[in-house]
PDB file of all heavy atoms in Angstrom:
ATOM      1  N   PHE A   1      30.223 -35.278 -96.083  1.00  0.00           N
ATOM      2  CA  PHE A   1      29.235 -35.846 -97.030  1.00  0.00           C
ATOM      3  C   PHE A   1      27.793 -35.391 -96.750  1.00  0.00           C
ATOM      4  O   PHE A   1      27.105 -35.095 -97.638  1.00  0.00           O
ATOM      5  CB  PHE A   1      29.307 -37.453 -96.908  1.00  0.00           C
ATOM      6  CG  PHE A   1      28.342 -38.147 -97.735  1.00  0.00           C
ATOM      7  CD1 PHE A   1      28.467 -38.397 -98.975  1.00  0.00           C
ATOM      8  CD2 PHE A   1      27.093 -38.565 -97.171  1.00  0.00           C
ATOM      9  CE1 PHE A   1      27.554 -39.094 -99.834  1.00  0.00           C
ATOM     10  CE2 PHE A   1      26.117 -39.137 -97.923  1.00  0.00           C
ATOM     11  CZ  PHE A   1      26.365 -39.483 -99.267  1.00  0.00           C
ATOM     12  N   GLY A   2      27.464 -35.475 -95.453  1.00  0.00           N
ATOM     13  CA  GLY A   2      26.163 -34.966 -95.126  1.00  0.00           C
ATOM     14  C   GLY A   2      25.851 -33.475 -95.343  1.00  0.00           C
ATOM     15  O   GLY A   2      24.780 -33.115 -96.003  1.00  0.00           O
ATOM     16  N   LEU A   3      26.771 -32.599 -95.113  1.00  0.00           N
ATOM     17  CA  LEU A   3      26.635 -31.204 -95.387  1.00  0.00           C
ATOM     18  C   LEU A   3      26.674 -30.835 -96.851  1.00  0.00           C
ATOM     19  O   LEU A   3      26.041 -29.817 -97.180  1.00  0.00           O
ATOM     20  CB  LEU A   3      27.745 -30.481 -94.583  1.00  0.00           C
ATOM     21  CG  LEU A   3      27.600 -30.486 -93.070  1.00  0.00           C
ATOM     22  CD1 LEU A   3      28.793 -29.793 -92.477  1.00  0.00           C
ATOM     23  CD2 LEU A   3      26.283 -29.862 -92.623  1.00  0.00           C
ATOM     24  N   ASP A   4      27.268 -31.631 -97.615  1.00  0.00           N
ATOM     25  CA  ASP A   4      27.352 -31.349 -99.047  1.00  0.00           C
ATOM     26  C   ASP A   4      26.071 -31.268 -99.770  1.00  0.00           C
ATOM     27  O   ASP A   4      25.849 -30.567-100.609  1.00  0.00           O
ATOM     28  CB  ASP A   4      28.278 -32.374 -99.770  1.00  0.00           C
ATOM     29  CG  ASP A   4      29.615 -31.991-100.043  1.00  0.00           C
ATOM     30  OD1 ASP A   4      29.945 -30.937 -99.722  1.00  0.00           O
ATOM     31  OD2 ASP A   4      30.376 -32.809-100.647  1.00  0.00           O
ATOM     32  N   LYS A   5      25.083 -31.989 -99.192  1.00  0.00           N
ATOM     33  CA  LYS A   5      23.803 -31.973 -99.786  1.00  0.00           C
ATOM     34  C   LYS A   5      23.208 -30.547 -99.867  1.00  0.00           C
ATOM     35  O   LYS A   5      22.561 -30.105-100.767  1.00  0.00           O
ATOM     36  CB  LYS A   5      22.857 -32.943 -99.026  1.00  0.00           C
ATOM     37  CG  LYS A   5      21.449 -32.935 -99.577  1.00  0.00           C
ATOM     38  CD  LYS A   5      20.358 -33.797 -98.893  1.00  0.00           C
ATOM     39  CE  LYS A   5      19.086 -33.653 -99.497  1.00  0.00           C
ATOM     40  NZ  LYS A   5      18.044 -34.553 -98.836  1.00  0.00           N
ATOM     41  N   ARG A   6      23.306 -29.840 -98.710  1.00  0.00           N
ATOM     42  CA  ARG A   6      22.856 -28.494 -98.584  1.00  0.00           C
ATOM     43  C   ARG A   6      23.829 -27.482 -99.204  1.00  0.00           C
ATOM     44  O   ARG A   6      23.352 -26.597 -99.922  1.00  0.00           O
ATOM     45  CB  ARG A   6      22.774 -28.081 -97.077  1.00  0.00           C
ATOM     46  CG  ARG A   6      22.179 -26.672 -96.881  1.00  0.00           C
ATOM     47  CD  ARG A   6      22.236 -26.434 -95.398  1.00  0.00           C
ATOM     48  NE  ARG A   6      23.549 -26.393 -94.724  1.00  0.00           N
ATOM     49  CZ  ARG A   6      23.863 -26.651 -93.490  1.00  0.00           C
ATOM     50  NH1 ARG A   6      22.872 -26.828 -92.658  1.00  0.00           N
ATOM     51  NH2 ARG A   6      25.102 -26.539 -93.129  1.00  0.00           N
ATOM     52  N   GLU A   7      25.117 -27.660 -98.936  1.00  0.00           N
ATOM     53  CA  GLU A   7      26.055 -26.680 -99.542  1.00  0.00           C
ATOM     54  C   GLU A   7      26.249 -26.700-101.071  1.00  0.00           C
ATOM     55  O   GLU A   7      26.695 -25.710-101.576  1.00  0.00           O
ATOM     56  CB  GLU A   7      27.474 -26.924 -98.949  1.00  0.00           C
ATOM     57  CG  GLU A   7      27.399 -26.863 -97.299  1.00  0.00           C
ATOM     58  CD  GLU A   7      26.796 -25.545 -96.808  1.00  0.00           C
ATOM     59  OE1 GLU A   7      27.232 -24.556 -97.359  1.00  0.00           O
ATOM     60  OE2 GLU A   7      26.072 -25.596 -95.846  1.00  0.00           O
ATOM     61  N   THR A   8      25.799 -27.795-101.675  1.00  0.00           N
ATOM     62  CA  THR A   8      26.093 -27.803-103.187  1.00  0.00           C
ATOM     63  C   THR A   8      24.905 -27.442-103.969  1.00  0.00           C
ATOM     64  O   THR A   8      24.841 -27.701-105.118  1.00  0.00           O
ATOM     65  CB  THR A   8      26.681 -29.151-103.553  1.00  0.00           C
ATOM     66  OG1 THR A   8      25.804 -30.239-103.203  1.00  0.00           O
ATOM     67  CG2 THR A   8      27.997 -29.484-102.910  1.00  0.00           C
ATOM     68  N   LEU A   9      23.728 -27.014-103.240  1.00  0.00           N
ATOM     69  CA  LEU A   9      22.477 -26.719-103.981  1.00  0.00           C
ATOM     70  C   LEU A   9      22.860 -25.514-104.905  1.00  0.00           C
ATOM     71  O   LEU A   9      23.419 -24.543-104.570  1.00  0.00           O
ATOM     72  CB  LEU A   9      21.431 -26.357-103.014  1.00  0.00           C
ATOM     73  CG  LEU A   9      20.546 -27.409-102.374  1.00  0.00           C
ATOM     74  CD1 LEU A   9      19.591 -26.759-101.401  1.00  0.00           C
ATOM     75  CD2 LEU A   9      19.790 -28.154-103.451  1.00  0.00           C
ATOM     76  N   PRO A  10      22.337 -25.706-106.148  1.00  0.00           N
ATOM     77  CA  PRO A  10      22.508 -24.612-107.050  1.00  0.00           C
ATOM     78  C   PRO A  10      21.475 -23.408-106.640  1.00  0.00           C
ATOM     79  O   PRO A  10      20.678 -23.625-105.927  1.00  0.00           O
ATOM     80  CB  PRO A  10      22.124 -25.144-108.411  1.00  0.00           C
ATOM     81  CG  PRO A  10      21.249 -26.326-108.078  1.00  0.00           C
ATOM     82  CD  PRO A  10      21.662 -26.925-106.808  1.00  0.00           C
ATOM     83  N   ARG A  11      21.848 -22.262-107.151  1.00  0.00           N
ATOM     84  CA  ARG A  11      21.101 -21.023-106.921  1.00  0.00           C
ATOM     85  C   ARG A  11      19.591 -21.275-107.215  1.00  0.00           C
ATOM     86  O   ARG A  11      18.692 -20.786-106.500  1.00  0.00           O
ATOM     87  CB  ARG A  11      21.663 -19.801-107.508  1.00  0.00           C
ATOM     88  CG  ARG A  11      20.950 -18.495-107.217  1.00  0.00           C
ATOM     89  CD  ARG A  11      21.556 -17.361-107.984  1.00  0.00           C
ATOM     90  NE  ARG A  11      20.825 -16.063-107.689  1.00  0.00           N
ATOM     91  CZ  ARG A  11      21.171 -14.980-108.289  1.00  0.00           C
ATOM     92  NH1 ARG A  11      22.240 -14.937-109.003  1.00  0.00           N
ATOM     93  NH2 ARG A  11      20.610 -13.795-107.922  1.00  0.00           N
ATOM     94  N   TYR A  12      19.344 -21.891-108.304  1.00  0.00           N
ATOM     95  CA  TYR A  12      17.932 -22.157-108.669  1.00  0.00           C
ATOM     96  C   TYR A  12      17.166 -22.882-107.596  1.00  0.00           C
ATOM     97  O   TYR A  12      16.028 -22.528-107.410  1.00  0.00           O
ATOM     98  CB  TYR A  12      17.952 -22.960-109.972  1.00  0.00           C
ATOM     99  CG  TYR A  12      16.615 -23.335-110.567  1.00  0.00           C
ATOM    100  CD1 TYR A  12      15.927 -22.246-111.383  1.00  0.00           C
ATOM    101  CD2 TYR A  12      16.013 -24.546-110.401  1.00  0.00           C
ATOM    102  CE1 TYR A  12      14.662 -22.650-111.901  1.00  0.00           C
ATOM    103  CE2 TYR A  12      14.787 -24.898-110.939  1.00  0.00           C
ATOM    104  CZ  TYR A  12      14.145 -23.892-111.690  1.00  0.00           C
ATOM    105  OH  TYR A  12      12.878 -24.184-112.335  1.00  0.00           O
ATOM    106  N   CYS A  13      17.812 -23.740-106.855  1.00  0.00           N
ATOM    107  CA  CYS A  13      17.180 -24.556-105.794  1.00  0.00           C
ATOM    108  C   CYS A  13      17.013 -23.614-104.468  1.00  0.00           C
ATOM    109  O   CYS A  13      16.013 -23.620-103.834  1.00  0.00           O
ATOM    110  CB  CYS A  13      17.924 -25.741-105.499  1.00  0.00           C
ATOM    111  SG  CYS A  13      17.818 -27.044-106.768  1.00  0.00           S
ATOM    112  N   ARG A  14      18.151 -22.999-104.266  1.00  0.00           N
ATOM    113  CA  ARG A  14      18.095 -22.209-102.910  1.00  0.00           C
ATOM    114  C   ARG A  14      17.023 -21.075-103.059  1.00  0.00           C
ATOM    115  O   ARG A  14      16.499 -20.617-102.011  1.00  0.00           O
ATOM    116  CB  ARG A  14      19.499 -21.433-102.907  1.00  0.00           C
ATOM    117  CG  ARG A  14      20.632 -22.468-102.618  1.00  0.00           C
ATOM    118  CD  ARG A  14      21.888 -21.740-102.055  1.00  0.00           C
ATOM    119  NE  ARG A  14      22.337 -20.661-102.899  1.00  0.00           N
ATOM    120  CZ  ARG A  14      23.175 -20.810-103.859  1.00  0.00           C
ATOM    121  NH1 ARG A  14      23.766 -22.017-104.159  1.00  0.00           N
ATOM    122  NH2 ARG A  14      23.571 -19.742-104.642  1.00  0.00           N
ATOM    123  N   GLU A  15      16.636 -20.654-104.268  1.00  0.00           N
ATOM    124  CA  GLU A  15      15.664 -19.586-104.411  1.00  0.00           C
ATOM    125  C   GLU A  15      14.262 -20.123-104.755  1.00  0.00           C
ATOM    126  O   GLU A  15      13.297 -19.362-104.827  1.00  0.00           O
ATOM    127  CB  GLU A  15      16.047 -18.632-105.425  1.00  0.00           C
ATOM    128  CG  GLU A  15      17.323 -17.824-105.180  1.00  0.00           C
ATOM    129  CD  GLU A  15      17.806 -16.925-106.322  1.00  0.00           C
ATOM    130  OE1 GLU A  15      17.178 -17.056-107.410  1.00  0.00           O
ATOM    131  OE2 GLU A  15      18.694 -16.171-106.034  1.00  0.00           O
ATOM    132  N   CYS A  16      14.049 -21.381-104.710  1.00  0.00           N
ATOM    133  CA  CYS A  16      12.818 -22.123-104.977  1.00  0.00           C
ATOM    134  C   CYS A  16      11.787 -21.996-103.944  1.00  0.00           C
ATOM    135  O   CYS A  16      12.185 -22.199-102.725  1.00  0.00           O
ATOM    136  CB  CYS A  16      13.147 -23.524-105.464  1.00  0.00           C
ATOM    137  SG  CYS A  16      11.662 -24.508-105.874  1.00  0.00           S
ATOM    138  N   GLU A  17      10.590 -21.803-104.245  1.00  0.00           N
ATOM    139  CA  GLU A  17       9.530 -21.652-103.295  1.00  0.00           C
ATOM    140  C   GLU A  17       9.142 -22.939-102.543  1.00  0.00           C
ATOM    141  O   GLU A  17       8.563 -22.889-101.490  1.00  0.00           O
ATOM    142  CB  GLU A  17       8.279 -21.044-103.928  1.00  0.00           C
ATOM    143  CG  GLU A  17       7.697 -21.843-105.007  1.00  0.00           C
ATOM    144  CD  GLU A  17       6.499 -21.217-105.762  1.00  0.00           C
ATOM    145  OE1 GLU A  17       5.606 -20.646-105.090  1.00  0.00           O
ATOM    146  OE2 GLU A  17       6.661 -21.108-107.006  1.00  0.00           O
ATOM    147  N   VAL A  18       9.466 -24.077-103.094  1.00  0.00           N
ATOM    148  CA  VAL A  18       9.196 -25.365-102.544  1.00  0.00           C
ATOM    149  C   VAL A  18      10.452 -26.048-101.917  1.00  0.00           C
ATOM    150  O   VAL A  18      10.468 -27.231-101.659  1.00  0.00           O
ATOM    151  CB  VAL A  18       8.489 -26.275-103.345  1.00  0.00           C
ATOM    152  CG1 VAL A  18       7.126 -25.668-103.724  1.00  0.00           C
ATOM    153  CG2 VAL A  18       9.220 -26.623-104.648  1.00  0.00           C
ATOM    154  N   ARG A  19      11.478 -25.265-101.839  1.00  0.00           N
ATOM    155  CA  ARG A  19      12.808 -25.840-101.320  1.00  0.00           C
ATOM    156  C   ARG A  19      12.573 -26.445 -99.889  1.00  0.00           C
ATOM    157  O   ARG A  19      13.162 -27.453 -99.605  1.00  0.00           O
ATOM    158  CB  ARG A  19      13.957 -24.693-101.286  1.00  0.00           C
ATOM    159  CG  ARG A  19      15.144 -25.290-100.647  1.00  0.00           C
ATOM    160  CD  ARG A  19      16.190 -24.253-100.272  1.00  0.00           C
ATOM    161  NE  ARG A  19      17.266 -24.872 -99.463  1.00  0.00           N
ATOM    162  CZ  ARG A  19      18.340 -24.170 -99.116  1.00  0.00           C
ATOM    163  NH1 ARG A  19      18.343 -22.933 -99.373  1.00  0.00           N
ATOM    164  NH2 ARG A  19      19.220 -24.741 -98.280  1.00  0.00           N
ATOM    165  N   PHE A  20      11.736 -25.853 -99.097  1.00  0.00           N
ATOM    166  CA  PHE A  20      11.544 -26.228 -97.765  1.00  0.00           C
ATOM    167  C   PHE A  20      10.937 -27.718 -97.755  1.00  0.00           C
ATOM    168  O   PHE A  20      11.157 -28.365 -96.764  1.00  0.00           O
ATOM    169  CB  PHE A  20      10.507 -25.406 -96.971  1.00  0.00           C
ATOM    170  CG  PHE A  20       9.109 -25.505 -97.451  1.00  0.00           C
ATOM    171  CD1 PHE A  20       8.170 -26.289 -96.695  1.00  0.00           C
ATOM    172  CD2 PHE A  20       8.665 -24.874 -98.605  1.00  0.00           C
ATOM    173  CE1 PHE A  20       6.841 -26.378 -97.136  1.00  0.00           C
ATOM    174  CE2 PHE A  20       7.318 -25.029 -98.975  1.00  0.00           C
ATOM    175  CZ  PHE A  20       6.433 -25.760 -98.260  1.00  0.00           C
ATOM    176  N   ALA A  21      10.325 -28.150 -98.762  1.00  0.00           N
ATOM    177  CA  ALA A  21       9.703 -29.501 -98.844  1.00  0.00           C
ATOM    178  C   ALA A  21      10.687 -30.426 -99.613  1.00  0.00           C
ATOM    179  O   ALA A  21      10.556 -31.628 -99.295  1.00  0.00           O
ATOM    180  CB  ALA A  21       8.424 -29.411 -99.549  1.00  0.00           C
ATOM    181  N   CYS A  22      11.523 -29.984-100.487  1.00  0.00           N
ATOM    182  CA  CYS A  22      12.314 -30.788-101.402  1.00  0.00           C
ATOM    183  C   CYS A  22      13.739 -30.842-100.944  1.00  0.00           C
ATOM    184  O   CYS A  22      14.384 -31.909-100.961  1.00  0.00           O
ATOM    185  CB  CYS A  22      12.152 -30.267-102.788  1.00  0.00           C
ATOM    186  SG  CYS A  22      13.179 -31.098-104.037  1.00  0.00           S
ATOM    187  N   ASN A  23      14.320 -29.625-100.725  1.00  0.00           N
ATOM    188  CA  ASN A  23      15.804 -29.513-100.347  1.00  0.00           C
ATOM    189  C   ASN A  23      16.664 -30.226-101.425  1.00  0.00           C
ATOM    190  O   ASN A  23      17.751 -30.734-101.037  1.00  0.00           O
ATOM    191  CB  ASN A  23      16.031 -30.159 -98.991  1.00  0.00           C
ATOM    192  CG  ASN A  23      15.533 -29.185 -97.887  1.00  0.00           C
ATOM    193  OD1 ASN A  23      15.887 -27.942 -97.768  1.00  0.00           O
ATOM    194  ND2 ASN A  23      14.692 -29.774 -97.013  1.00  0.00           N
ATOM    195  N   GLY A  24      16.221 -30.201-102.636  1.00  0.00           N
ATOM    196  CA  GLY A  24      17.021 -30.838-103.714  1.00  0.00           C
ATOM    197  C   GLY A  24      16.958 -32.207-103.844  1.00  0.00           C
ATOM    198  O   GLY A  24      17.619 -32.742-104.735  1.00  0.00           O
ATOM    199  N   GLU A  25      16.160 -32.863-103.033  1.00  0.00           N
ATOM    200  CA  GLU A  25      16.036 -34.424-102.982  1.00  0.00           C
ATOM    201  C   GLU A  25      17.313 -35.051-102.940  1.00  0.00           C
ATOM    202  O   GLU A  25      18.283 -34.406-102.486  1.00  0.00           O
ATOM    203  CB  GLU A  25      15.169 -34.731-104.262  1.00  0.00           C
ATOM    204  CG  GLU A  25      14.347 -36.113-103.834  1.00  0.00           C
ATOM    205  CD  GLU A  25      14.772 -37.244-104.727  1.00  0.00           C
ATOM    206  OE1 GLU A  25      15.702 -37.155-105.544  1.00  0.00           O
ATOM    207  OE2 GLU A  25      14.185 -38.295-104.612  1.00  0.00           O
ATOM    208  N   CYS A  26      17.484 -36.288-103.374  1.00  0.00           N
ATOM    209  CA  CYS A  26      18.727 -37.034-103.172  1.00  0.00           C
ATOM    210  C   CYS A  26      19.820 -36.569-104.121  1.00  0.00           C
ATOM    211  O   CYS A  26      19.621 -36.289-105.368  1.00  0.00           O
ATOM    212  CB  CYS A  26      18.434 -38.385-103.520  1.00  0.00           C
ATOM    213  SG  CYS A  26      19.927 -39.523-103.260  1.00  0.00           S
ATOM    214  N   PRO A  27      21.051 -36.146-103.522  1.00  0.00           N
ATOM    215  CA  PRO A  27      22.206 -35.711-104.507  1.00  0.00           C
ATOM    216  C   PRO A  27      22.515 -36.684-105.626  1.00  0.00           C
ATOM    217  O   PRO A  27      22.912 -36.293-106.631  1.00  0.00           O
ATOM    218  CB  PRO A  27      23.337 -35.662-103.466  1.00  0.00           C
ATOM    219  CG  PRO A  27      22.690 -35.450-102.151  1.00  0.00           C
ATOM    220  CD  PRO A  27      21.402 -36.275-102.113  1.00  0.00           C
ATOM    221  N   LYS A  28      22.168 -37.956-105.498  1.00  0.00           N
ATOM    222  CA  LYS A  28      22.516 -38.912-106.599  1.00  0.00           C
ATOM    223  C   LYS A  28      21.640 -38.544-107.861  1.00  0.00           C
ATOM    224  O   LYS A  28      22.052 -38.967-108.913  1.00  0.00           O
ATOM    225  CB  LYS A  28      22.104 -40.332-106.137  1.00  0.00           C
ATOM    226  CG  LYS A  28      22.610 -41.332-107.155  1.00  0.00           C
ATOM    227  CD  LYS A  28      22.365 -42.752-106.651  1.00  0.00           C
ATOM    228  CE  LYS A  28      23.039 -43.847-107.663  1.00  0.00           C
ATOM    229  NZ  LYS A  28      22.810 -45.245-107.182  1.00  0.00           N
ATOM    230  N   HIS A  29      20.508 -37.907-107.651  1.00  0.00           N
ATOM    231  CA  HIS A  29      19.663 -37.549-108.763  1.00  0.00           C
ATOM    232  C   HIS A  29      19.971 -36.108-109.317  1.00  0.00           C
ATOM    233  O   HIS A  29      19.207 -35.703-110.207  1.00  0.00           O
ATOM    234  CB  HIS A  29      18.235 -37.612-108.383  1.00  0.00           C
ATOM    235  CG  HIS A  29      17.906 -39.032-107.934  1.00  0.00           C
ATOM    236  ND1 HIS A  29      16.872 -39.215-106.976  1.00  0.00           N
ATOM    237  CD2 HIS A  29      18.414 -40.246-108.230  1.00  0.00           C
ATOM    238  CE1 HIS A  29      16.827 -40.566-106.744  1.00  0.00           C
ATOM    239  NE2 HIS A  29      17.693 -41.155-107.504  1.00  0.00           N
ATOM    240  N   ARG A  30      20.927 -35.502-108.844  1.00  0.00           N
ATOM    241  CA  ARG A  30      21.172 -34.161-109.252  1.00  0.00           C
ATOM    242  C   ARG A  30      22.257 -34.026-110.397  1.00  0.00           C
ATOM    243  O   ARG A  30      23.453 -33.830-110.236  1.00  0.00           O
ATOM    244  CB  ARG A  30      21.761 -33.234-108.115  1.00  0.00           C
ATOM    245  CG  ARG A  30      20.784 -33.127-106.930  1.00  0.00           C
ATOM    246  CD  ARG A  30      21.581 -32.262-105.862  1.00  0.00           C
ATOM    247  NE  ARG A  30      20.767 -32.185-104.594  1.00  0.00           N
ATOM    248  CZ  ARG A  30      21.198 -31.669-103.542  1.00  0.00           C
ATOM    249  NH1 ARG A  30      22.453 -31.115-103.480  1.00  0.00           N
ATOM    250  NH2 ARG A  30      20.386 -31.632-102.453  1.00  0.00           N
ATOM    251  N   PHE A  31      21.772 -34.426-111.508  1.00  0.00           N
ATOM    252  CA  PHE A  31      22.722 -34.492-112.679  1.00  0.00           C
ATOM    253  C   PHE A  31      22.319 -33.800-113.982  1.00  0.00           C
ATOM    254  O   PHE A  31      22.714 -34.109-115.023  1.00  0.00           O
ATOM    255  CB  PHE A  31      22.983 -36.073-112.970  1.00  0.00           C
ATOM    256  CG  PHE A  31      21.788 -36.839-113.263  1.00  0.00           C
ATOM    257  CD1 PHE A  31      21.107 -36.831-114.465  1.00  0.00           C
ATOM    258  CD2 PHE A  31      21.302 -37.690-112.260  1.00  0.00           C
ATOM    259  CE1 PHE A  31      20.026 -37.543-114.698  1.00  0.00           C
ATOM    260  CE2 PHE A  31      20.165 -38.439-112.404  1.00  0.00           C
ATOM    261  CZ  PHE A  31      19.556 -38.459-113.702  1.00  0.00           C
ATOM    262  N   ILE A  32      21.355 -32.812-113.798  1.00  0.00           N
ATOM    263  CA  ILE A  32      20.951 -32.105-114.988  1.00  0.00           C
ATOM    264  C   ILE A  32      21.202 -30.526-114.705  1.00  0.00           C
ATOM    265  O   ILE A  32      21.340 -30.164-113.467  1.00  0.00           O
ATOM    266  CB  ILE A  32      19.558 -32.242-115.433  1.00  0.00           C
ATOM    267  CG1 ILE A  32      18.612 -31.814-114.346  1.00  0.00           C
ATOM    268  CG2 ILE A  32      19.315 -33.697-115.742  1.00  0.00           C
ATOM    269  CD1 ILE A  32      17.061 -31.716-114.731  1.00  0.00           C
ATOM    270  N   PRO A  33      21.415 -29.730-115.696  1.00  0.00           N
ATOM    271  CA  PRO A  33      21.683 -28.318-115.378  1.00  0.00           C
ATOM    272  C   PRO A  33      20.383 -27.547-115.037  1.00  0.00           C
ATOM    273  O   PRO A  33      19.322 -27.970-115.452  1.00  0.00           O
ATOM    274  CB  PRO A  33      22.251 -27.786-116.657  1.00  0.00           C
ATOM    275  CG  PRO A  33      21.725 -28.707-117.736  1.00  0.00           C
ATOM    276  CD  PRO A  33      21.615 -30.005-117.149  1.00  0.00           C
ATOM    277  N   THR A  34      20.479 -26.575-114.397  1.00  0.00           N
ATOM    278  CA  THR A  34      19.377 -25.563-114.052  1.00  0.00           C
ATOM    279  C   THR A  34      19.088 -24.746-115.371  1.00  0.00           C
ATOM    280  O   THR A  34      19.837 -24.818-116.263  1.00  0.00           O
ATOM    281  CB  THR A  34      19.727 -24.566-112.990  1.00  0.00           C
ATOM    282  OG1 THR A  34      20.746 -23.743-113.374  1.00  0.00           O
ATOM    283  CG2 THR A  34      20.145 -25.301-111.684  1.00  0.00           C
ATOM    284  N   PRO A  35      17.884 -24.131-115.406  1.00  0.00           N
ATOM    285  CA  PRO A  35      17.588 -23.322-116.555  1.00  0.00           C
ATOM    286  C   PRO A  35      18.601 -22.272-116.961  1.00  0.00           C
ATOM    287  O   PRO A  35      18.752 -21.885-118.129  1.00  0.00           O
ATOM    288  CB  PRO A  35      16.263 -22.634-116.130  1.00  0.00           C
ATOM    289  CG  PRO A  35      15.617 -23.580-115.240  1.00  0.00           C
ATOM    290  CD  PRO A  35      16.817 -24.185-114.468  1.00  0.00           C
ATOM    291  N   ASP A  36      19.413 -21.833-115.932  1.00  0.00           N
ATOM    292  CA  ASP A  36      20.481 -20.861-116.185  1.00  0.00           C
ATOM    293  C   ASP A  36      21.812 -21.523-116.408  1.00  0.00           C
ATOM    294  O   ASP A  36      22.839 -20.827-116.572  1.00  0.00           O
ATOM    295  CB  ASP A  36      20.508 -19.782-115.127  1.00  0.00           C
ATOM    296  CG  ASP A  36      20.729 -20.354-113.742  1.00  0.00           C
ATOM    297  OD1 ASP A  36      20.934 -21.541-113.616  1.00  0.00           O
ATOM    298  OD2 ASP A  36      20.661 -19.519-112.803  1.00  0.00           O
ATOM    299  N   GLY A  37      21.793 -22.809-116.507  1.00  0.00           N
ATOM    300  CA  GLY A  37      23.029 -23.558-116.855  1.00  0.00           C
ATOM    301  C   GLY A  37      23.923 -24.055-115.701  1.00  0.00           C
ATOM    302  O   GLY A  37      24.959 -24.626-116.046  1.00  0.00           O
ATOM    303  N   GLU A  38      23.548 -23.738-114.485  1.00  0.00           N
ATOM    304  CA  GLU A  38      24.351 -24.182-113.410  1.00  0.00           C
ATOM    305  C   GLU A  38      24.122 -25.711-113.187  1.00  0.00           C
ATOM    306  O   GLU A  38      22.975 -26.193-113.338  1.00  0.00           O
ATOM    307  CB  GLU A  38      23.887 -23.541-112.103  1.00  0.00           C
ATOM    308  CG  GLU A  38      24.786 -23.782-110.947  1.00  0.00           C
ATOM    309  CD  GLU A  38      24.428 -22.926-109.733  1.00  0.00           C
ATOM    310  OE1 GLU A  38      23.421 -22.216-109.757  1.00  0.00           O
ATOM    311  OE2 GLU A  38      25.063 -23.121-108.629  1.00  0.00           O
ATOM    312  N   GLU A  39      25.177 -26.464-112.875  1.00  0.00           N
ATOM    313  CA  GLU A  39      25.047 -27.907-112.718  1.00  0.00           C
ATOM    314  C   GLU A  39      24.427 -28.224-111.313  1.00  0.00           C
ATOM    315  O   GLU A  39      24.494 -27.409-110.447  1.00  0.00           O
ATOM    316  CB  GLU A  39      26.427 -28.526-112.819  1.00  0.00           C
ATOM    317  CG  GLU A  39      27.088 -28.444-114.130  1.00  0.00           C
ATOM    318  CD  GLU A  39      26.354 -29.330-115.259  1.00  0.00           C
ATOM    319  OE1 GLU A  39      25.730 -30.275-114.794  1.00  0.00           O
ATOM    320  OE2 GLU A  39      26.301 -28.831-116.290  1.00  0.00           O
TER     321      GLU A  39
END
């Protein structure tokens, strides 16, 4: 469960310049698609 937060980040997040500060925030709030359509 804990590792899923990092491992399920979409590519848009992994390549983001502020990922170091955000890390995708809470997985519960990850429910919209990225600009390129990834969930």
